[in-house]
Amino acid sequence: PYKTIQAAVTAASAGDTIYVKALNMAAGATDPVSYAETIIIPSAKSRLSLIGVGGGPAQGSLPQIRMGSGSTALLDIKSPGCTVANLGFNGASSTGGGILLTDDGGTTNAAFGTVITGCHFKNCKGHATDSRLGGGVYWPAAGGAWQVIIAGNRFYNNVGGITLVGTSTSRPKDVIIDGNWFGADAAT
């Protein structure tokens, strides 16, 4: 086992599966104990899978990643064919968003073929109030990241849920967004 998710990603080989365990919560807790880190899956780690060991897409039932402050995405995927399942992303107090699909058309990074399923996204934003700048899952200004599946996730109280920031390289094609739930506090 590794103390951080990033340490496990760094030690992994392409095609490996990393299982992330939920951290213990004290009795009466109202927010999960979080992995306080940002994670980058570099371009050399194709087909890497991050799988949370927990229940369905409810905040308290999944391992949660929450950095606190900063403007870096909680998870930046720069490699093709990756899978992210059963993880929680809480962007409270930060403006980096949840999952960033970094793809410059394959020159350096290519996040095409990413599958995101069974995850919970809360308070994720690329800007405090402007959803056009990022959210729970988002593409950067370069666009890219084709053949992406975002299915069965819960998006709660995010400034932006799923956001295409720009398309200076290419417009993503064959993106499937299926069976996700979007919600927020009343009057939000």
Protein backbone atom coordinates (compact mmCIF):
# COMPACT_ATOMS: atom_id res chain seq x y z
CA PRO A 1 0.00 0.00 0.00
CA TYR A 2 0.95 3.62 -0.57
CA LYS A 3 0.20 6.64 1.63
CA THR A 4 -1.01 8.72 -1.31
CA ILE A 5 -2.84 7.96 -4.51
CA GLN A 6 -0.17 9.86 -6.48
CA ALA A 7 2.56 7.61 -5.05
CA ALA A 8 0.62 4.57 -6.29
CA VAL A 9 0.15 6.17 -9.74
CA THR A 10 3.87 7.01 -9.93
CA ALA A 11 4.84 3.41 -9.05
CA ALA A 12 2.27 1.82 -11.40
CA SER A 13 2.88 0.60 -14.92
CA ALA A 14 0.64 1.21 -17.91
CA GLY A 15 -2.45 -1.01 -17.69
CA ASP A 16 -2.33 -1.42 -13.91
CA THR A 17 -5.34 -1.10 -11.61
CA ILE A 18 -5.04 0.90 -8.41
CA TYR A 19 -7.64 0.26 -5.72
CA VAL A 20 -8.31 3.24 -3.44
CA LYS A 21 -9.69 2.51 0.01
CA ALA A 22 -12.04 4.88 1.81
CA LEU A 23 -10.49 6.49 4.89
CA ASN A 24 -12.22 5.89 8.23
CA MET A 25 -14.73 8.45 9.48
CA ALA A 26 -15.40 9.25 13.13
CA ALA A 27 -18.85 8.69 14.59
CA GLY A 28 -21.11 11.62 13.73
CA ALA A 29 -18.96 12.76 10.78
CA THR A 30 -20.72 14.84 8.14
CA ASP A 31 -17.93 14.83 5.55
CA PRO A 32 -15.63 11.94 4.61
CA VAL A 33 -11.98 12.00 5.60
CA SER A 34 -10.28 12.91 2.33
CA TYR A 35 -7.12 12.24 0.42
CA ALA A 36 -5.75 15.81 0.46
CA GLU A 37 -3.83 15.74 -2.79
CA THR A 38 -3.96 16.43 -6.49
CA ILE A 39 -3.23 13.53 -8.82
CA ILE A 40 -1.74 13.44 -12.33
CA ILE A 41 -1.90 10.37 -14.55
CA PRO A 42 1.01 11.09 -16.92
CA SER A 43 0.96 10.28 -20.62
CA ALA A 44 3.11 7.15 -20.14
CA LYS A 45 0.50 5.41 -17.93
CA SER A 46 -2.04 4.38 -20.59
CA ARG A 47 -5.02 2.24 -19.57
CA LEU A 48 -4.43 2.93 -15.88
CA SER A 49 -7.50 2.39 -13.67
CA LEU A 50 -8.29 4.15 -10.39
CA ILE A 51 -11.03 2.21 -8.63
CA GLY A 52 -12.51 3.29 -5.32
CA VAL A 53 -13.46 0.56 -2.88
CA GLY A 54 -16.83 1.66 -1.57
CA GLY A 55 -20.50 1.87 -2.32
CA GLY A 56 -22.50 3.78 -4.90
CA PRO A 57 -22.11 7.43 -5.93
CA ALA A 58 -23.01 8.98 -2.57
CA GLN A 59 -20.49 11.29 -0.92
CA GLY A 60 -20.05 9.35 2.34
CA SER A 61 -19.77 5.95 0.73
CA LEU A 62 -16.75 6.50 -1.54
CA PRO A 63 -13.07 7.34 -1.04
CA GLN A 64 -12.93 11.15 -1.42
CA ILE A 65 -10.26 13.43 -2.88
CA ARG A 66 -10.38 16.99 -1.56
CA MET A 67 -7.39 19.28 -1.75
CA GLY A 68 -8.87 22.23 0.11
CA SER A 69 -7.27 25.23 -1.59
CA GLY A 70 -5.55 25.75 -4.91
CA SER A 71 -6.31 26.05 -8.61
CA THR A 72 -5.16 22.63 -9.84
CA ALA A 73 -7.60 19.89 -10.90
CA LEU A 74 -8.03 17.16 -8.31
CA LEU A 75 -7.27 14.59 -11.03
CA ASP A 76 -5.55 15.45 -14.32
CA ILE A 77 -5.68 12.61 -16.86
CA LYS A 78 -3.05 12.95 -19.61
CA SER A 79 -3.03 9.35 -20.81
CA PRO A 80 -5.35 7.31 -23.07
CA GLY A 81 -7.74 4.56 -22.05
CA CYS A 82 -7.91 5.35 -18.34
CA THR A 83 -10.81 4.38 -16.09
CA VAL A 84 -11.92 6.24 -12.96
CA ALA A 85 -14.64 4.55 -10.93
CA ASN A 86 -16.24 4.88 -7.50
CA LEU A 87 -14.30 7.92 -6.27
CA GLY A 88 -15.52 11.15 -4.70
CA PHE A 89 -14.21 14.56 -5.79
CA ASN A 90 -14.89 17.52 -3.48
CA GLY A 91 -13.67 20.86 -4.80
CA ALA A 92 -14.63 22.95 -1.75
CA SER A 93 -12.27 25.94 -1.25
CA SER A 94 -10.43 25.32 -4.54
CA THR A 95 -10.93 26.35 -8.15
CA GLY A 96 -9.14 23.55 -10.00
CA GLY A 97 -12.19 21.44 -10.80
CA GLY A 98 -12.61 17.70 -10.38
CA ILE A 99 -11.27 15.71 -13.35
CA LEU A 100 -9.42 17.48 -16.18
CA LEU A 101 -9.13 15.57 -19.47
CA THR A 102 -5.85 16.95 -20.82
CA ASP A 103 -5.48 16.19 -24.51
CA ASP A 104 -3.51 18.25 -27.02
CA GLY A 105 -4.37 16.03 -29.96
CA GLY A 106 -1.73 13.44 -29.06
CA THR A 107 1.31 15.71 -29.38
CA THR A 108 2.22 15.22 -25.71
CA ASN A 109 -0.97 14.21 -23.90
CA ALA A 110 -3.99 12.22 -25.02
CA ALA A 111 -6.84 11.50 -22.59
CA PHE A 112 -9.01 9.91 -25.26
CA GLY A 113 -10.89 6.75 -24.30
CA THR A 114 -11.40 7.79 -20.67
CA VAL A 115 -14.24 6.16 -18.74
CA ILE A 116 -15.63 7.90 -15.63
CA THR A 117 -18.30 5.96 -13.79
CA GLY A 118 -19.92 5.70 -10.37
CA CYS A 119 -18.19 8.83 -9.04
CA HIS A 120 -19.50 11.67 -6.87
CA PHE A 121 -18.62 15.30 -7.68
CA LYS A 122 -19.35 18.07 -5.18
CA ASN A 123 -18.38 21.77 -5.13
CA CYS A 124 -16.16 21.42 -8.22
CA LYS A 125 -15.42 24.56 -10.20
CA GLY A 126 -12.84 26.07 -12.52
CA HIS A 127 -13.90 29.54 -11.31
CA ALA A 128 -15.93 30.65 -8.31
CA THR A 129 -18.99 31.57 -10.41
CA ASP A 130 -18.32 30.94 -14.12
CA SER A 131 -19.23 27.42 -15.25
CA ARG A 132 -17.59 27.99 -18.64
CA LEU A 133 -14.16 27.64 -16.96
CA GLY A 134 -14.49 24.12 -15.59
CA GLY A 135 -16.39 21.90 -13.22
CA GLY A 136 -16.73 18.29 -12.10
CA VAL A 137 -15.39 16.86 -15.39
CA TYR A 138 -13.95 19.19 -18.00
CA TRP A 139 -11.87 19.53 -21.12
CA PRO A 140 -9.21 22.29 -21.25
CA ALA A 141 -9.08 25.04 -23.85
CA ALA A 142 -7.40 22.69 -26.36
CA GLY A 143 -10.44 20.40 -26.52
CA GLY A 144 -9.31 16.93 -27.58
CA ALA A 145 -10.14 13.78 -25.54
CA TRP A 146 -12.44 11.90 -27.90
CA GLN A 147 -14.28 8.62 -27.15
CA VAL A 148 -15.05 9.51 -23.53
CA ILE A 149 -17.78 7.87 -21.45
CA ILE A 150 -19.19 9.68 -18.40
CA ALA A 151 -21.89 7.43 -16.97
CA GLY A 152 -23.67 6.79 -13.69
CA ASN A 153 -22.09 9.65 -11.74
CA ARG A 154 -23.63 12.05 -9.21
CA PHE A 155 -22.95 15.80 -9.65
CA TYR A 156 -24.02 17.87 -6.66
CA ASN A 157 -23.61 21.61 -6.09
CA ASN A 158 -20.89 22.14 -8.72
CA VAL A 159 -20.48 25.48 -10.53
CA GLY A 160 -20.22 23.38 -13.71
CA GLY A 161 -20.99 19.67 -14.01
CA ILE A 162 -19.50 18.59 -17.36
CA THR A 163 -17.80 21.42 -19.26
CA LEU A 164 -16.07 21.84 -22.58
CA VAL A 165 -13.89 24.89 -21.97
CA GLY A 166 -12.67 25.31 -25.54
CA THR A 167 -11.76 23.65 -28.81
CA SER A 168 -8.53 25.22 -30.04
CA THR A 169 -7.12 21.80 -31.06
CA SER A 170 -10.22 19.75 -31.86
CA ARG A 171 -13.80 19.24 -30.83
CA PRO A 172 -14.26 16.01 -28.89
CA LYS A 173 -16.32 13.42 -30.77
CA ASP A 174 -18.06 10.26 -29.58
CA VAL A 175 -18.58 11.56 -26.03
CA ILE A 176 -21.25 9.60 -24.17
CA ILE A 177 -22.91 11.24 -21.17
CA ASP A 178 -25.43 8.75 -19.82
CA GLY A 179 -27.36 8.13 -16.62
CA ASN A 180 -25.78 10.90 -14.53
CA TRP A 181 -27.60 12.84 -11.79
CA PHE A 182 -27.26 16.63 -11.44
CA GLY A 183 -28.51 18.52 -8.39
CA ALA A 184 -27.89 21.50 -6.13
CA ASP A 185 -29.21 23.23 -3.06
CA ALA A 186 -32.55 24.96 -3.42
CA ALA A 187 -32.28 28.41 -5.07
CA THR A 188 -28.75 27.64 -6.35
